[in-house]
mmCIF file of all heavy atoms, coordinates in Angstrom:
data_MODEL
# 
_entry.id   MODEL 
# 
loop_
_atom_site.group_PDB 
_atom_site.id 
_atom_site.type_symbol 
_atom_site.label_atom_id 
_atom_site.label_alt_id 
_atom_site.label_comp_id 
_atom_site.label_asym_id 
_atom_site.label_entity_id 
_atom_site.label_seq_id 
_atom_site.pdbx_PDB_ins_code 
_atom_site.Cartn_x 
_atom_site.Cartn_y 
_atom_site.Cartn_z 
_atom_site.occupancy 
_atom_site.B_iso_or_equiv 
_atom_site.pdbx_formal_charge 
_atom_site.auth_seq_id 
_atom_site.auth_comp_id 
_atom_site.auth_asym_id 
_atom_site.auth_atom_id 
_atom_site.pdbx_PDB_model_num 
ATOM 1   N N   . GLU A 1 1  ? 0.815  -1.209  0.000   1.00 0.00 ? 1  GLU A N   1 
ATOM 2   C CA  . GLU A 1 1  ? 0.000  0.000   0.000   1.00 0.00 ? 1  GLU A CA  1 
ATOM 3   C C   . GLU A 1 1  ? 0.854  1.267   0.000   1.00 0.00 ? 1  GLU A C   1 
ATOM 4   O O   . GLU A 1 1  ? 0.517  2.264   -0.651  1.00 0.00 ? 1  GLU A O   1 
ATOM 5   C CB  . GLU A 1 1  ? -0.916 -0.022  1.225   1.00 0.00 ? 1  GLU A CB  1 
ATOM 6   C CG  . GLU A 1 1  ? -1.919 1.095   1.290   1.00 0.00 ? 1  GLU A CG  1 
ATOM 7   C CD  . GLU A 1 1  ? -2.859 0.947   2.464   1.00 0.00 ? 1  GLU A CD  1 
ATOM 8   O OE1 . GLU A 1 1  ? -2.501 0.234   3.426   1.00 0.00 ? 1  GLU A OE1 1 
ATOM 9   O OE2 . GLU A 1 1  ? -3.952 1.539   2.422   1.00 0.00 ? 1  GLU A OE2 1 
ATOM 10  N N   . ALA A 1 2  ? 1.977  1.220   0.690   1.00 0.00 ? 2  ALA A N   1 
ATOM 11  C CA  . ALA A 1 2  ? 2.843  2.392   0.786   1.00 0.00 ? 2  ALA A CA  1 
ATOM 12  C C   . ALA A 1 2  ? 3.369  2.846   -0.562  1.00 0.00 ? 2  ALA A C   1 
ATOM 13  O O   . ALA A 1 2  ? 3.711  4.025   -0.739  1.00 0.00 ? 2  ALA A O   1 
ATOM 14  C CB  . ALA A 1 2  ? 4.017  2.096   1.729   1.00 0.00 ? 2  ALA A CB  1 
ATOM 15  N N   . ALA A 1 3  ? 3.426  1.928   -1.526  1.00 0.00 ? 3  ALA A N   1 
ATOM 16  C CA  . ALA A 1 3  ? 3.939  2.282   -2.852  1.00 0.00 ? 3  ALA A CA  1 
ATOM 17  C C   . ALA A 1 3  ? 3.019  3.236   -3.593  1.00 0.00 ? 3  ALA A C   1 
ATOM 18  O O   . ALA A 1 3  ? 3.448  3.894   -4.554  1.00 0.00 ? 3  ALA A O   1 
ATOM 19  C CB  . ALA A 1 3  ? 4.145  1.016   -3.679  1.00 0.00 ? 3  ALA A CB  1 
ATOM 20  N N   . PHE A 1 4  ? 1.749  3.320   -3.151  1.00 0.00 ? 4  PHE A N   1 
ATOM 21  C CA  . PHE A 1 4  ? 0.779  4.166   -3.855  1.00 0.00 ? 4  PHE A CA  1 
ATOM 22  C C   . PHE A 1 4  ? 0.350  5.381   -3.040  1.00 0.00 ? 4  PHE A C   1 
ATOM 23  O O   . PHE A 1 4  ? -0.619 6.048   -3.396  1.00 0.00 ? 4  PHE A O   1 
ATOM 24  C CB  . PHE A 1 4  ? -0.433 3.331   -4.266  1.00 0.00 ? 4  PHE A CB  1 
ATOM 25  C CG  . PHE A 1 4  ? -0.129 2.389   -5.395  1.00 0.00 ? 4  PHE A CG  1 
ATOM 26  C CD1 . PHE A 1 4  ? 0.232  1.083   -5.140  1.00 0.00 ? 4  PHE A CD1 1 
ATOM 27  C CD2 . PHE A 1 4  ? -0.158 2.833   -6.702  1.00 0.00 ? 4  PHE A CD2 1 
ATOM 28  C CE1 . PHE A 1 4  ? 0.546  0.214   -6.182  1.00 0.00 ? 4  PHE A CE1 1 
ATOM 29  C CE2 . PHE A 1 4  ? 0.154  1.988   -7.752  1.00 0.00 ? 4  PHE A CE2 1 
ATOM 30  C CZ  . PHE A 1 4  ? 0.502  0.678   -7.491  1.00 0.00 ? 4  PHE A CZ  1 
ATOM 31  N N   . GLU A 1 5  ? 1.082  5.661   -1.970  1.00 0.00 ? 5  GLU A N   1 
ATOM 32  C CA  . GLU A 1 5  ? 0.809  6.895   -1.233  1.00 0.00 ? 5  GLU A CA  1 
ATOM 33  C C   . GLU A 1 5  ? 1.119  8.087   -2.132  1.00 0.00 ? 5  GLU A C   1 
ATOM 34  O O   . GLU A 1 5  ? 2.207  8.191   -2.691  1.00 0.00 ? 5  GLU A O   1 
ATOM 35  C CB  . GLU A 1 5  ? 1.652  6.954   0.041   1.00 0.00 ? 5  GLU A CB  1 
ATOM 36  C CG  . GLU A 1 5  ? 1.214  5.963   1.104   1.00 0.00 ? 5  GLU A CG  1 
ATOM 37  C CD  . GLU A 1 5  ? 2.055  6.051   2.370   1.00 0.00 ? 5  GLU A CD  1 
ATOM 38  O OE1 . GLU A 1 5  ? 2.963  6.913   2.399   1.00 0.00 ? 5  GLU A OE1 1 
ATOM 39  O OE2 . GLU A 1 5  ? 1.824  5.253   3.294   1.00 0.00 ? 5  GLU A OE2 1 
ATOM 40  N N   . SER A 1 6  ? 0.147  8.978   -2.295  1.00 0.00 ? 6  SER A N   1 
ATOM 41  C CA  . SER A 1 6  ? 0.289  10.180  -3.140  1.00 0.00 ? 6  SER A CA  1 
ATOM 42  C C   . SER A 1 6  ? 0.536  9.842   -4.601  1.00 0.00 ? 6  SER A C   1 
ATOM 43  O O   . SER A 1 6  ? 1.087  10.664  -5.355  1.00 0.00 ? 6  SER A O   1 
ATOM 44  C CB  . SER A 1 6  ? 1.433  11.078  -2.619  1.00 0.00 ? 6  SER A CB  1 
ATOM 45  O OG  . SER A 1 6  ? 1.235  11.426  -1.276  1.00 0.00 ? 6  SER A OG  1 
ATOM 46  N N   . VAL A 1 7  ? 0.149  8.633   -5.011  1.00 0.00 ? 7  VAL A N   1 
ATOM 47  C CA  . VAL A 1 7  ? 0.301  8.214   -6.419  1.00 0.00 ? 7  VAL A CA  1 
ATOM 48  C C   . VAL A 1 7  ? -1.064 7.832   -6.961  1.00 0.00 ? 7  VAL A C   1 
ATOM 49  O O   . VAL A 1 7  ? -1.756 6.989   -6.374  1.00 0.00 ? 7  VAL A O   1 
ATOM 50  C CB  . VAL A 1 7  ? 1.279  7.028   -6.549  1.00 0.00 ? 7  VAL A CB  1 
ATOM 51  C CG1 . VAL A 1 7  ? 1.341  6.543   -7.997  1.00 0.00 ? 7  VAL A CG1 1 
ATOM 52  C CG2 . VAL A 1 7  ? 2.663  7.406   -6.057  1.00 0.00 ? 7  VAL A CG2 1 
ATOM 53  N N   . ASP A 1 8  ? -1.463 8.427   -8.072  1.00 0.00 ? 8  ASP A N   1 
ATOM 54  C CA  . ASP A 1 8  ? -2.697 8.053   -8.751  1.00 0.00 ? 8  ASP A CA  1 
ATOM 55  C C   . ASP A 1 8  ? -2.377 6.930   -9.732  1.00 0.00 ? 8  ASP A C   1 
ATOM 56  O O   . ASP A 1 8  ? -1.644 7.153   -10.706 1.00 0.00 ? 8  ASP A O   1 
ATOM 57  C CB  . ASP A 1 8  ? -3.268 9.255   -9.504  1.00 0.00 ? 8  ASP A CB  1 
ATOM 58  C CG  . ASP A 1 8  ? -4.599 8.949   -10.182 1.00 0.00 ? 8  ASP A CG  1 
ATOM 59  O OD1 . ASP A 1 8  ? -5.005 7.768   -10.188 1.00 0.00 ? 8  ASP A OD1 1 
ATOM 60  O OD2 . ASP A 1 8  ? -5.212 9.888   -10.713 1.00 0.00 ? 8  ASP A OD2 1 
ATOM 61  N N   . PRO A 1 9  ? -2.890 5.707   -9.506  1.00 0.00 ? 9  PRO A N   1 
ATOM 62  C CA  . PRO A 1 9  ? -2.580 4.600   -10.418 1.00 0.00 ? 9  PRO A CA  1 
ATOM 63  C C   . PRO A 1 9  ? -2.899 4.912   -11.874 1.00 0.00 ? 9  PRO A C   1 
ATOM 64  O O   . PRO A 1 9  ? -2.241 4.394   -12.783 1.00 0.00 ? 9  PRO A O   1 
ATOM 65  C CB  . PRO A 1 9  ? -3.455 3.451   -9.889  1.00 0.00 ? 9  PRO A CB  1 
ATOM 66  C CG  . PRO A 1 9  ? -3.662 3.781   -8.443  1.00 0.00 ? 9  PRO A CG  1 
ATOM 67  C CD  . PRO A 1 9  ? -3.741 5.286   -8.391  1.00 0.00 ? 9  PRO A CD  1 
ATOM 68  N N   . ARG A 1 10 ? -3.884 5.779   -12.109 1.00 0.00 ? 10 ARG A N   1 
ATOM 69  C CA  . ARG A 1 10 ? -4.239 6.121   -13.488 1.00 0.00 ? 10 ARG A CA  1 
ATOM 70  C C   . ARG A 1 10 ? -3.099 6.850   -14.198 1.00 0.00 ? 10 ARG A C   1 
ATOM 71  O O   . ARG A 1 10 ? -2.949 6.735   -15.421 1.00 0.00 ? 10 ARG A O   1 
ATOM 72  C CB  . ARG A 1 10 ? -5.510 6.966   -13.512 1.00 0.00 ? 10 ARG A CB  1 
ATOM 73  C CG  . ARG A 1 10 ? -6.766 6.215   -13.078 1.00 0.00 ? 10 ARG A CG  1 
ATOM 74  C CD  . ARG A 1 10 ? -7.945 7.146   -12.932 1.00 0.00 ? 10 ARG A CD  1 
ATOM 75  N NE  . ARG A 1 10 ? -7.712 8.137   -11.859 1.00 0.00 ? 10 ARG A NE  1 
ATOM 76  C CZ  . ARG A 1 10 ? -8.600 9.046   -11.471 1.00 0.00 ? 10 ARG A CZ  1 
ATOM 77  N NH1 . ARG A 1 10 ? -9.783 9.108   -12.074 1.00 0.00 ? 10 ARG A NH1 1 
ATOM 78  N NH2 . ARG A 1 10 ? -8.326 9.882   -10.494 1.00 0.00 ? 10 ARG A NH2 1 
ATOM 79  N N   . SER A 1 11 ? -2.300 7.582   -13.435 1.00 0.00 ? 11 SER A N   1 
ATOM 80  C CA  . SER A 1 11 ? -1.177 8.308   -14.032 1.00 0.00 ? 11 SER A CA  1 
ATOM 81  C C   . SER A 1 11 ? -0.082 7.366   -14.515 1.00 0.00 ? 11 SER A C   1 
ATOM 82  O O   . SER A 1 11 ? 0.790  7.768   -15.289 1.00 0.00 ? 11 SER A O   1 
ATOM 83  C CB  . SER A 1 11 ? -0.595 9.306   -13.031 1.00 0.00 ? 11 SER A CB  1 
ATOM 84  O OG  . SER A 1 11 ? 0.067  8.635   -11.966 1.00 0.00 ? 11 SER A OG  1 
ATOM 85  N N   . LEU A 1 12 ? -0.125 6.126   -14.053 1.00 0.00 ? 12 LEU A N   1 
ATOM 86  C CA  . LEU A 1 12 ? 0.872  5.125   -14.441 1.00 0.00 ? 12 LEU A CA  1 
ATOM 87  C C   . LEU A 1 12 ? 0.408  4.265   -15.608 1.00 0.00 ? 12 LEU A C   1 
ATOM 88  O O   . LEU A 1 12 ? 1.131  3.364   -16.033 1.00 0.00 ? 12 LEU A O   1 
ATOM 89  C CB  . LEU A 1 12 ? 1.198  4.221   -13.251 1.00 0.00 ? 12 LEU A CB  1 
ATOM 90  C CG  . LEU A 1 12 ? 1.625  4.911   -11.952 1.00 0.00 ? 12 LEU A CG  1 
ATOM 91  C CD1 . LEU A 1 12 ? 1.822  3.886   -10.849 1.00 0.00 ? 12 LEU A CD1 1 
ATOM 92  C CD2 . LEU A 1 12 ? 2.891  5.729   -12.168 1.00 0.00 ? 12 LEU A CD2 1 
ATOM 93  N N   . GLN A 1 13 ? -0.806 4.518   -16.102 1.00 0.00 ? 13 GLN A N   1 
ATOM 94  C CA  . GLN A 1 13 ? -1.388 3.735   -17.208 1.00 0.00 ? 13 GLN A CA  1 
ATOM 95  C C   . GLN A 1 13 ? -1.401 2.232   -16.872 1.00 0.00 ? 13 GLN A C   1 
ATOM 96  O O   . GLN A 1 13 ? -1.147 1.382   -17.722 1.00 0.00 ? 13 GLN A O   1 
ATOM 97  C CB  . GLN A 1 13 ? -0.635 3.989   -18.518 1.00 0.00 ? 13 GLN A CB  1 
ATOM 98  C CG  . GLN A 1 13 ? -0.689 5.428   -18.989 1.00 0.00 ? 13 GLN A CG  1 
ATOM 99  C CD  . GLN A 1 13 ? 0.132  5.686   -20.232 1.00 0.00 ? 13 GLN A CD  1 
ATOM 100 O OE1 . GLN A 1 13 ? 0.937  6.608   -20.269 1.00 0.00 ? 13 GLN A OE1 1 
ATOM 101 N NE2 . GLN A 1 13 ? -0.058 4.888   -21.262 1.00 0.00 ? 13 GLN A NE2 1 
ATOM 102 N N   . LEU A 1 14 ? -1.713 1.928   -15.611 1.00 0.00 ? 14 LEU A N   1 
ATOM 103 C CA  . LEU A 1 14 ? -1.691 0.544   -15.148 1.00 0.00 ? 14 LEU A CA  1 
ATOM 104 C C   . LEU A 1 14 ? -2.862 -0.255  -15.710 1.00 0.00 ? 14 LEU A C   1 
ATOM 105 O O   . LEU A 1 14 ? -4.020 0.150   -15.578 1.00 0.00 ? 14 LEU A O   1 
ATOM 106 C CB  . LEU A 1 14 ? -1.745 0.491   -13.621 1.00 0.00 ? 14 LEU A CB  1 
ATOM 107 C CG  . LEU A 1 14 ? -0.425 0.633   -12.871 1.00 0.00 ? 14 LEU A CG  1 
ATOM 108 C CD1 . LEU A 1 14 ? -0.682 0.829   -11.393 1.00 0.00 ? 14 LEU A CD1 1 
ATOM 109 C CD2 . LEU A 1 14 ? 0.458  -0.584  -13.104 1.00 0.00 ? 14 LEU A CD2 1 
ATOM 110 N N   . GLU A 1 15 ? -2.572 -1.399  -16.310 1.00 0.00 ? 15 GLU A N   1 
ATOM 111 C CA  . GLU A 1 15 ? -3.603 -2.303  -16.812 1.00 0.00 ? 15 GLU A CA  1 
ATOM 112 C C   . GLU A 1 15 ? -4.116 -3.183  -15.678 1.00 0.00 ? 15 GLU A C   1 
ATOM 113 O O   . GLU A 1 15 ? -3.330 -3.721  -14.901 1.00 0.00 ? 15 GLU A O   1 
ATOM 114 C CB  . GLU A 1 15 ? -3.044 -3.208  -17.922 1.00 0.00 ? 15 GLU A CB  1 
ATOM 115 C CG  . GLU A 1 15 ? -2.841 -2.528  -19.246 1.00 0.00 ? 15 GLU A CG  1 
ATOM 116 C CD  . GLU A 1 15 ? -2.431 -3.528  -20.321 1.00 0.00 ? 15 GLU A CD  1 
ATOM 117 O OE1 . GLU A 1 15 ? -1.893 -4.605  -19.978 1.00 0.00 ? 15 GLU A OE1 1 
ATOM 118 O OE2 . GLU A 1 15 ? -2.644 -3.232  -21.513 1.00 0.00 ? 15 GLU A OE2 1 
ATOM 119 N N   . GLY A 1 16 ? -5.422 -3.343  -15.598 1.00 0.00 ? 16 GLY A N   1 
ATOM 120 C CA  . GLY A 1 16 ? -6.012 -4.297  -14.665 1.00 0.00 ? 16 GLY A CA  1 
ATOM 121 C C   . GLY A 1 16 ? -5.786 -3.997  -13.211 1.00 0.00 ? 16 GLY A C   1 
ATOM 122 O O   . GLY A 1 16 ? -5.862 -4.900  -12.367 1.00 0.00 ? 16 GLY A O   1 
ATOM 123 N N   . PHE A 1 17 ? -5.521 -2.751  -12.887 1.00 0.00 ? 17 PHE A N   1 
ATOM 124 C CA  . PHE A 1 17 ? -5.251 -2.421  -11.485 1.00 0.00 ? 17 PHE A CA  1 
ATOM 125 C C   . PHE A 1 17 ? -6.550 -2.212  -10.724 1.00 0.00 ? 17 PHE A C   1 
ATOM 126 O O   . PHE A 1 17 ? -7.473 -1.551  -11.199 1.00 0.00 ? 17 PHE A O   1 
ATOM 127 C CB  . PHE A 1 17 ? -4.394 -1.163  -11.385 1.00 0.00 ? 17 PHE A CB  1 
ATOM 128 C CG  . PHE A 1 17 ? -4.063 -0.784  -9.975  1.00 0.00 ? 17 PHE A CG  1 
ATOM 129 C CD1 . PHE A 1 17 ? -3.015 -1.395  -9.311  1.00 0.00 ? 17 PHE A CD1 1 
ATOM 130 C CD2 . PHE A 1 17 ? -4.812 0.172   -9.299  1.00 0.00 ? 17 PHE A CD2 1 
ATOM 131 C CE1 . PHE A 1 17 ? -2.707 -1.050  -7.996  1.00 0.00 ? 17 PHE A CE1 1 
ATOM 132 C CE2 . PHE A 1 17 ? -4.516 0.514   -7.994  1.00 0.00 ? 17 PHE A CE2 1 
ATOM 133 C CZ  . PHE A 1 17 ? -3.461 -0.097  -7.338  1.00 0.00 ? 17 PHE A CZ  1 
ATOM 134 N N   . ASN A 1 18 ? -6.613 -2.794  -9.534  1.00 0.00 ? 18 ASN A N   1 
ATOM 135 C CA  . ASN A 1 18 ? -7.728 -2.537  -8.615  1.00 0.00 ? 18 ASN A CA  1 
ATOM 136 C C   . ASN A 1 18 ? -7.215 -2.718  -7.191  1.00 0.00 ? 18 ASN A C   1 
ATOM 137 O O   . ASN A 1 18 ? -6.032 -3.009  -6.969  1.00 0.00 ? 18 ASN A O   1 
ATOM 138 C CB  . ASN A 1 18 ? -8.918 -3.467  -8.907  1.00 0.00 ? 18 ASN A CB  1 
ATOM 139 C CG  . ASN A 1 18 ? -8.535 -4.935  -8.840  1.00 0.00 ? 18 ASN A CG  1 
ATOM 140 O OD1 . ASN A 1 18 ? -7.965 -5.401  -7.858  1.00 0.00 ? 18 ASN A OD1 1 
ATOM 141 N ND2 . ASN A 1 18 ? -8.836 -5.685  -9.905  1.00 0.00 ? 18 ASN A ND2 1 
ATOM 142 N N   . SER A 1 19 ? -8.101 -2.544  -6.224  1.00 0.00 ? 19 SER A N   1 
ATOM 143 C CA  . SER A 1 19 ? -7.683 -2.574  -4.820  1.00 0.00 ? 19 SER A CA  1 
ATOM 144 C C   . SER A 1 19 ? -7.104 -3.930  -4.409  1.00 0.00 ? 19 SER A C   1 
ATOM 145 O O   . SER A 1 19 ? -6.348 -4.015  -3.430  1.00 0.00 ? 19 SER A O   1 
ATOM 146 C CB  . SER A 1 19 ? -8.860 -2.220  -3.913  1.00 0.00 ? 19 SER A CB  1 
ATOM 147 O OG  . SER A 1 19 ? -9.901 -3.185  -4.043  1.00 0.00 ? 19 SER A OG  1 
ATOM 148 N N   . GLN A 1 20 ? -7.450 -4.985  -5.147  1.00 0.00 ? 20 GLN A N   1 
ATOM 149 C CA  . GLN A 1 20 ? -6.952 -6.313  -4.800  1.00 0.00 ? 20 GLN A CA  1 
ATOM 150 C C   . GLN A 1 20 ? -5.523 -6.558  -5.286  1.00 0.00 ? 20 GLN A C   1 
ATOM 151 O O   . GLN A 1 20 ? -4.964 -7.639  -5.064  1.00 0.00 ? 20 GLN A O   1 
ATOM 152 C CB  . GLN A 1 20 ? -7.894 -7.384  -5.342  1.00 0.00 ? 20 GLN A CB  1 
ATOM 153 C CG  . GLN A 1 20 ? -9.256 -7.384  -4.668  1.00 0.00 ? 20 GLN A CG  1 
ATOM 154 C CD  . GLN A 1 20 ? -9.148 -7.501  -3.150  1.00 0.00 ? 20 GLN A CD  1 
ATOM 155 O OE1 . GLN A 1 20 ? -8.663 -8.485  -2.630  1.00 0.00 ? 20 GLN A OE1 1 
ATOM 156 N NE2 . GLN A 1 20 ? -9.604 -6.467  -2.436  1.00 0.00 ? 20 GLN A NE2 1 
ATOM 157 N N   . LYS A 1 21 ? -4.920 -5.575  -5.936  1.00 0.00 ? 21 LYS A N   1 
ATOM 158 C CA  . LYS A 1 21 ? -3.500 -5.661  -6.286  1.00 0.00 ? 21 LYS A CA  1 
ATOM 159 C C   . LYS A 1 21 ? -2.624 -5.089  -5.164  1.00 0.00 ? 21 LYS A C   1 
ATOM 160 O O   . LYS A 1 21 ? -1.400 -5.089  -5.280  1.00 0.00 ? 21 LYS A O   1 
ATOM 161 C CB  . LYS A 1 21 ? -3.224 -4.916  -7.593  1.00 0.00 ? 21 LYS A CB  1 
ATOM 162 C CG  . LYS A 1 21 ? -3.903 -5.533  -8.803  1.00 0.00 ? 21 LYS A CG  1 
ATOM 163 C CD  . LYS A 1 21 ? -3.373 -6.926  -9.112  1.00 0.00 ? 21 LYS A CD  1 
ATOM 164 C CE  . LYS A 1 21 ? -2.012 -6.900  -9.742  1.00 0.00 ? 21 LYS A CE  1 
ATOM 165 N NZ  . LYS A 1 21 ? -1.522 -8.256  -10.116 1.00 0.00 ? 21 LYS A NZ  1 
ATOM 166 N N   . ILE A 1 22 ? -3.264 -4.621  -4.099  1.00 0.00 ? 22 ILE A N   1 
ATOM 167 C CA  . ILE A 1 22 ? -2.537 -4.116  -2.933  1.00 0.00 ? 22 ILE A CA  1 
ATOM 168 C C   . ILE A 1 22 ? -2.344 -5.267  -1.943  1.00 0.00 ? 22 ILE A C   1 
ATOM 169 O O   . ILE A 1 22 ? -3.303 -5.933  -1.541  1.00 0.00 ? 22 ILE A O   1 
ATOM 170 C CB  . ILE A 1 22 ? -3.302 -2.965  -2.258  1.00 0.00 ? 22 ILE A CB  1 
ATOM 171 C CG1 . ILE A 1 22 ? -3.473 -1.796  -3.243  1.00 0.00 ? 22 ILE A CG1 1 
ATOM 172 C CG2 . ILE A 1 22 ? -2.592 -2.517  -0.996  1.00 0.00 ? 22 ILE A CG2 1 
ATOM 173 C CD1 . ILE A 1 22 ? -2.173 -1.182  -3.705  1.00 0.00 ? 22 ILE A CD1 1 
ATOM 174 N N   . LEU A 1 23 ? -1.118 -5.506  -1.555  1.00 0.00 ? 23 LEU A N   1 
ATOM 175 C CA  . LEU A 1 23 ? -0.763 -6.645  -0.708  1.00 0.00 ? 23 LEU A CA  1 
ATOM 176 C C   . LEU A 1 23 ? -1.583 -6.676  0.584   1.00 0.00 ? 23 LEU A C   1 
ATOM 177 O O   . LEU A 1 23 ? -2.139 -7.726  0.956   1.00 0.00 ? 23 LEU A O   1 
ATOM 178 C CB  . LEU A 1 23 ? 0.738  -6.598  -0.387  1.00 0.00 ? 23 LEU A CB  1 
ATOM 179 C CG  . LEU A 1 23 ? 1.273  -7.636  0.600   1.00 0.00 ? 23 LEU A CG  1 
ATOM 180 C CD1 . LEU A 1 23 ? 1.037  -9.044  0.091   1.00 0.00 ? 23 LEU A CD1 1 
ATOM 181 C CD2 . LEU A 1 23 ? 2.771  -7.393  0.846   1.00 0.00 ? 23 LEU A CD2 1 
ATOM 182 N N   . GLU A 1 24 ? -1.679 -5.560  1.259   1.00 0.00 ? 24 GLU A N   1 
ATOM 183 C CA  . GLU A 1 24 ? -2.382 -5.541  2.546   1.00 0.00 ? 24 GLU A CA  1 
ATOM 184 C C   . GLU A 1 24 ? -3.866 -5.874  2.387   1.00 0.00 ? 24 GLU A C   1 
ATOM 185 O O   . GLU A 1 24 ? -4.463 -6.507  3.268   1.00 0.00 ? 24 GLU A O   1 
ATOM 186 C CB  . GLU A 1 24 ? -2.220 -4.169  3.204   1.00 0.00 ? 24 GLU A CB  1 
ATOM 187 C CG  . GLU A 1 24 ? -0.816 -3.872  3.703   1.00 0.00 ? 24 GLU A CG  1 
ATOM 188 C CD  . GLU A 1 24 ? 0.088  -3.290  2.633   1.00 0.00 ? 24 GLU A CD  1 
ATOM 189 O OE1 . GLU A 1 24 ? -0.306 -3.293  1.437   1.00 0.00 ? 24 GLU A OE1 1 
ATOM 190 O OE2 . GLU A 1 24 ? 1.177  -2.823  2.989   1.00 0.00 ? 24 GLU A OE2 1 
ATOM 191 N N   . ASN A 1 25 ? -4.470 -5.441  1.279   1.00 0.00 ? 25 ASN A N   1 
ATOM 192 C CA  . ASN A 1 25 ? -5.879 -5.750  1.041   1.00 0.00 ? 25 ASN A CA  1 
ATOM 193 C C   . ASN A 1 25 ? -6.107 -7.235  0.842   1.00 0.00 ? 25 ASN A C   1 
ATOM 194 O O   . ASN A 1 25 ? -7.085 -7.802  1.359   1.00 0.00 ? 25 ASN A O   1 
ATOM 195 C CB  . ASN A 1 25 ? -6.391 -4.976  -0.177  1.00 0.00 ? 25 ASN A CB  1 
ATOM 196 C CG  . ASN A 1 25 ? -6.455 -3.490  0.057   1.00 0.00 ? 25 ASN A CG  1 
ATOM 197 O OD1 . ASN A 1 25 ? -6.396 -3.030  1.196   1.00 0.00 ? 25 ASN A OD1 1 
ATOM 198 N ND2 . ASN A 1 25 ? -6.559 -2.710  -1.007  1.00 0.00 ? 25 ASN A ND2 1 
ATOM 199 N N   . ARG A 1 26 ? -5.217 -7.869  0.106   1.00 0.00 ? 26 ARG A N   1 
ATOM 200 C CA  . ARG A 1 26 ? -5.349 -9.315  -0.119  1.00 0.00 ? 26 ARG A CA  1 
ATOM 201 C C   . ARG A 1 26 ? -5.123 -10.080 1.176   1.00 0.00 ? 26 ARG A C   1 
ATOM 202 O O   . ARG A 1 26 ? -5.813 -11.062 1.469   1.00 0.00 ? 26 ARG A O   1 
ATOM 203 C CB  . ARG A 1 26 ? -4.378 -9.792  -1.191  1.00 0.00 ? 26 ARG A CB  1 
ATOM 204 C CG  . ARG A 1 26 ? -4.731 -9.343  -2.581  1.00 0.00 ? 26 ARG A CG  1 
ATOM 205 C CD  . ARG A 1 26 ? -6.036 -9.997  -3.064  1.00 0.00 ? 26 ARG A CD  1 
ATOM 206 N NE  . ARG A 1 26 ? -5.898 -11.432 -3.191  1.00 0.00 ? 26 ARG A NE  1 
ATOM 207 C CZ  . ARG A 1 26 ? -6.805 -12.337 -2.786  1.00 0.00 ? 26 ARG A CZ  1 
ATOM 208 N NH1 . ARG A 1 26 ? -7.919 -11.937 -2.203  1.00 0.00 ? 26 ARG A NH1 1 
ATOM 209 N NH2 . ARG A 1 26 ? -6.603 -13.625 -2.966  1.00 0.00 ? 26 ARG A NH2 1 
ATOM 210 N N   . LEU A 1 27 ? -4.142 -9.631  1.972   1.00 0.00 ? 27 LEU A N   1 
ATOM 211 C CA  . LEU A 1 27 ? -3.891 -10.283 3.254   1.00 0.00 ? 27 LEU A CA  1 
ATOM 212 C C   . LEU A 1 27 ? -5.113 -10.187 4.152   1.00 0.00 ? 27 LEU A C   1 
ATOM 213 O O   . LEU A 1 27 ? -5.530 -11.180 4.767   1.00 0.00 ? 27 LEU A O   1 
ATOM 214 C CB  . LEU A 1 27 ? -2.705 -9.634  3.946   1.00 0.00 ? 27 LEU A CB  1 
ATOM 215 C CG  . LEU A 1 27 ? -1.310 -10.126 3.595   1.00 0.00 ? 27 LEU A CG  1 
ATOM 216 C CD1 . LEU A 1 27 ? -0.255 -9.260  4.263   1.00 0.00 ? 27 LEU A CD1 1 
ATOM 217 C CD2 . LEU A 1 27 ? -1.119 -11.586 3.991   1.00 0.00 ? 27 LEU A CD2 1 
ATOM 218 N N   . ALA A 1 28 ? -5.698 -9.004  4.224   1.00 0.00 ? 28 ALA A N   1 
ATOM 219 C CA  . ALA A 1 28 ? -6.878 -8.812  5.082   1.00 0.00 ? 28 ALA A CA  1 
ATOM 220 C C   . ALA A 1 28 ? -8.044 -9.645  4.621   1.00 0.00 ? 28 ALA A C   1 
ATOM 221 O O   . ALA A 1 28 ? -8.863 -10.102 5.439   1.00 0.00 ? 28 ALA A O   1 
ATOM 222 C CB  . ALA A 1 28 ? -7.261 -7.342  5.095   1.00 0.00 ? 28 ALA A CB  1 
# 
């Protein structure tokens, strides 16, 4: 999650990105 602090994933043109690509979310 810390990798996306103050980062808009859309600015990275990320394919298939959603909240489940965050490690802590999947762990929880």
